[in-house]
Each structure stands twice: as structure tokens, then as C-alpha cells.
Amino acid sequence: MLGIDDPIIAFVYIANIVAVSICIIYGIINWNKGADNEAEEIAEEELWEKEEAKLDEEL
């Protein structure tokens, strides 16, 4: 098979192609899923920074 005499090496090549395919499919499915709650995270970070600045001023 493709000049590869050892079946274990052939299996490794096939497993590599399967793993890459799974990673690509996973990436396509989960593309930009983290952007759903990005506005909430930014607002939370702004509040945190304001509280931190307030604490720094008090010290």
C-alpha cells in the first residue's frame, strides 16, 4: 500500500489523517462560539477595572 510495507506505519498515517480531519471539523463547528457572550465579559472587566482603580485610590 503506497510502498509502505509495515501495516503499523500505514495505520499511523491513516490515524494522522483521521485526527486532522476531526480537528478541522471541530474547528468549523465551534468557530466564533466564544463571541456569544463577549459583550458581557467586556462589561464585567470594565466593572472590575473600576473597582480596582477605586481600591488603588483608597490606598
N, C-alpha and C. Protein backbone atom coordinates (compact mmCIF):
# COMPACT_ATOMS: atom_id res chain seq x y z
N MET A 1 0.85 -1.18 0.00
CA MET A 1 0.00 0.00 0.00
C MET A 1 0.89 1.24 0.00
N LEU A 2 0.92 1.94 -1.10
CA LEU A 2 1.70 3.16 -1.27
C LEU A 2 3.17 2.97 -0.96
N GLY A 3 3.67 1.76 -1.13
CA GLY A 3 5.08 1.49 -0.88
C GLY A 3 5.43 1.35 0.60
N ILE A 4 4.43 1.28 1.47
CA ILE A 4 4.67 1.13 2.91
C ILE A 4 4.47 -0.35 3.24
N ASP A 5 5.55 -1.02 3.61
CA ASP A 5 5.49 -2.45 3.86
C ASP A 5 4.92 -2.78 5.24
N ASP A 6 5.16 -1.95 6.21
CA ASP A 6 4.73 -2.23 7.58
C ASP A 6 3.30 -1.72 7.79
N PRO A 7 2.37 -2.60 8.19
CA PRO A 7 0.98 -2.17 8.37
C PRO A 7 0.81 -1.18 9.53
N ILE A 8 1.71 -1.22 10.50
CA ILE A 8 1.61 -0.29 11.62
C ILE A 8 1.88 1.14 11.15
N ILE A 9 2.87 1.29 10.27
CA ILE A 9 3.18 2.62 9.73
C ILE A 9 2.00 3.12 8.90
N ALA A 10 1.39 2.24 8.12
CA ALA A 10 0.22 2.63 7.33
C ALA A 10 -0.91 3.06 8.25
N PHE A 11 -1.10 2.33 9.35
CA PHE A 11 -2.13 2.70 10.32
C PHE A 11 -1.86 4.07 10.92
N VAL A 12 -0.60 4.36 11.21
CA VAL A 12 -0.24 5.66 11.80
C VAL A 12 -0.55 6.78 10.81
N TYR A 13 -0.23 6.60 9.55
CA TYR A 13 -0.55 7.61 8.54
C TYR A 13 -2.06 7.83 8.44
N ILE A 14 -2.81 6.75 8.42
CA ILE A 14 -4.28 6.86 8.34
C ILE A 14 -4.83 7.52 9.60
N ALA A 15 -4.31 7.15 10.77
CA ALA A 15 -4.76 7.75 12.03
C ALA A 15 -4.45 9.25 12.05
N ASN A 16 -3.32 9.63 11.49
CA ASN A 16 -2.96 11.04 11.42
C ASN A 16 -3.96 11.82 10.56
N ILE A 17 -4.31 11.27 9.42
CA ILE A 17 -5.27 11.92 8.53
C ILE A 17 -6.64 12.02 9.20
N VAL A 18 -7.05 10.97 9.89
CA VAL A 18 -8.33 10.99 10.61
C VAL A 18 -8.31 12.04 11.71
N ALA A 19 -7.22 12.12 12.47
CA ALA A 19 -7.12 13.10 13.56
C ALA A 19 -7.17 14.53 13.02
N VAL A 20 -6.48 14.78 11.93
CA VAL A 20 -6.51 16.12 11.33
C VAL A 20 -7.92 16.44 10.85
N SER A 21 -8.59 15.48 10.25
CA SER A 21 -9.96 15.70 9.77
C SER A 21 -10.90 16.03 10.93
N ILE A 22 -10.76 15.31 12.03
CA ILE A 22 -11.60 15.56 13.21
C ILE A 22 -11.32 16.96 13.76
N CYS A 23 -10.07 17.36 13.81
CA CYS A 23 -9.72 18.70 14.30
C CYS A 23 -10.31 19.78 13.41
N ILE A 24 -10.26 19.59 12.11
CA ILE A 24 -10.81 20.58 11.19
C ILE A 24 -12.32 20.67 11.35
N ILE A 25 -12.99 19.55 11.46
CA ILE A 25 -14.45 19.55 11.64
C ILE A 25 -14.81 20.21 12.96
N TYR A 26 -14.09 19.91 14.02
CA TYR A 26 -14.33 20.53 15.33
C TYR A 26 -14.15 22.04 15.24
N GLY A 27 -13.11 22.48 14.56
CA GLY A 27 -12.87 23.91 14.42
C GLY A 27 -13.96 24.61 13.64
N ILE A 28 -14.46 23.98 12.60
CA ILE A 28 -15.53 24.58 11.80
C ILE A 28 -16.81 24.67 12.63
N ILE A 29 -17.12 23.64 13.38
CA ILE A 29 -18.34 23.63 14.19
C ILE A 29 -18.28 24.69 15.29
N ASN A 30 -17.14 24.84 15.93
CA ASN A 30 -17.02 25.75 17.08
C ASN A 30 -16.45 27.12 16.72
N TRP A 31 -16.44 27.47 15.46
CA TRP A 31 -15.88 28.74 15.01
C TRP A 31 -16.69 29.89 15.62
N ASN A 32 -16.04 30.79 16.31
CA ASN A 32 -16.63 32.00 16.90
C ASN A 32 -17.73 31.72 17.93
N LYS A 33 -17.74 30.58 18.57
CA LYS A 33 -18.73 30.32 19.60
C LYS A 33 -18.49 31.17 20.84
N GLY A 34 -17.26 31.55 21.10
CA GLY A 34 -16.95 32.35 22.28
C GLY A 34 -17.41 33.78 22.15
N ALA A 35 -17.79 34.22 20.97
CA ALA A 35 -18.21 35.60 20.75
C ALA A 35 -19.64 35.86 21.22
N ASP A 36 -20.36 34.81 21.61
CA ASP A 36 -21.75 34.98 22.03
C ASP A 36 -21.88 35.85 23.27
N ASN A 37 -20.99 35.67 24.23
CA ASN A 37 -21.09 36.41 25.49
C ASN A 37 -19.93 37.40 25.65
N GLU A 38 -19.38 37.84 24.55
CA GLU A 38 -18.22 38.74 24.60
C GLU A 38 -18.59 40.10 25.21
N ALA A 39 -19.78 40.62 24.89
CA ALA A 39 -20.19 41.92 25.43
C ALA A 39 -20.32 41.86 26.95
N GLU A 40 -20.85 40.76 27.46
CA GLU A 40 -20.98 40.59 28.91
C GLU A 40 -19.61 40.54 29.57
N GLU A 41 -18.67 39.84 28.95
CA GLU A 41 -17.33 39.73 29.52
C GLU A 41 -16.63 41.09 29.54
N ILE A 42 -16.82 41.88 28.49
CA ILE A 42 -16.20 43.21 28.44
C ILE A 42 -16.78 44.10 29.53
N ALA A 43 -18.10 44.06 29.72
CA ALA A 43 -18.73 44.86 30.76
C ALA A 43 -18.24 44.43 32.14
N GLU A 44 -18.10 43.14 32.35
CA GLU A 44 -17.61 42.63 33.63
C GLU A 44 -16.17 43.08 33.88
N GLU A 45 -15.35 43.06 32.86
CA GLU A 45 -13.96 43.51 33.00
C GLU A 45 -13.89 45.00 33.30
N GLU A 46 -14.77 45.80 32.69
CA GLU A 46 -14.79 47.23 32.97
C GLU A 46 -15.14 47.50 34.42
N LEU A 47 -16.14 46.78 34.94
CA LEU A 47 -16.51 46.93 36.35
C LEU A 47 -15.34 46.54 37.25
N TRP A 48 -14.68 45.47 36.90
CA TRP A 48 -13.55 45.01 37.71
C TRP A 48 -12.44 46.05 37.72
N GLU A 49 -12.16 46.63 36.57
CA GLU A 49 -11.10 47.64 36.48
C GLU A 49 -11.48 48.89 37.27
N LYS A 50 -12.76 49.30 37.24
CA LYS A 50 -13.20 50.46 38.02
C LYS A 50 -13.05 50.19 39.52
N GLU A 51 -13.44 48.99 39.95
CA GLU A 51 -13.30 48.64 41.36
C GLU A 51 -11.83 48.61 41.78
N GLU A 52 -10.99 48.10 40.91
CA GLU A 52 -9.56 48.05 41.21
C GLU A 52 -8.97 49.46 41.30
N ALA A 53 -9.38 50.34 40.40
CA ALA A 53 -8.89 51.72 40.43
C ALA A 53 -9.36 52.41 41.71
N LYS A 54 -10.59 52.15 42.11
CA LYS A 54 -11.13 52.73 43.34
C LYS A 54 -10.34 52.25 44.55
N LEU A 55 -10.01 50.97 44.60
CA LEU A 55 -9.23 50.43 45.71
C LEU A 55 -7.83 51.01 45.72
N ASP A 56 -7.24 51.20 44.55
CA ASP A 56 -5.90 51.80 44.48
C ASP A 56 -5.91 53.23 44.99
N GLU A 57 -6.98 53.98 44.67
CA GLU A 57 -7.07 55.36 45.15
C GLU A 57 -7.22 55.42 46.66
N GLU A 58 -7.95 54.46 47.22
CA GLU A 58 -8.16 54.43 48.67
C GLU A 58 -6.86 54.12 49.41
N LEU A 59 -5.99 53.38 48.80
CA LEU A 59 -4.73 53.04 49.44
C LEU A 59 -3.81 54.21 49.30
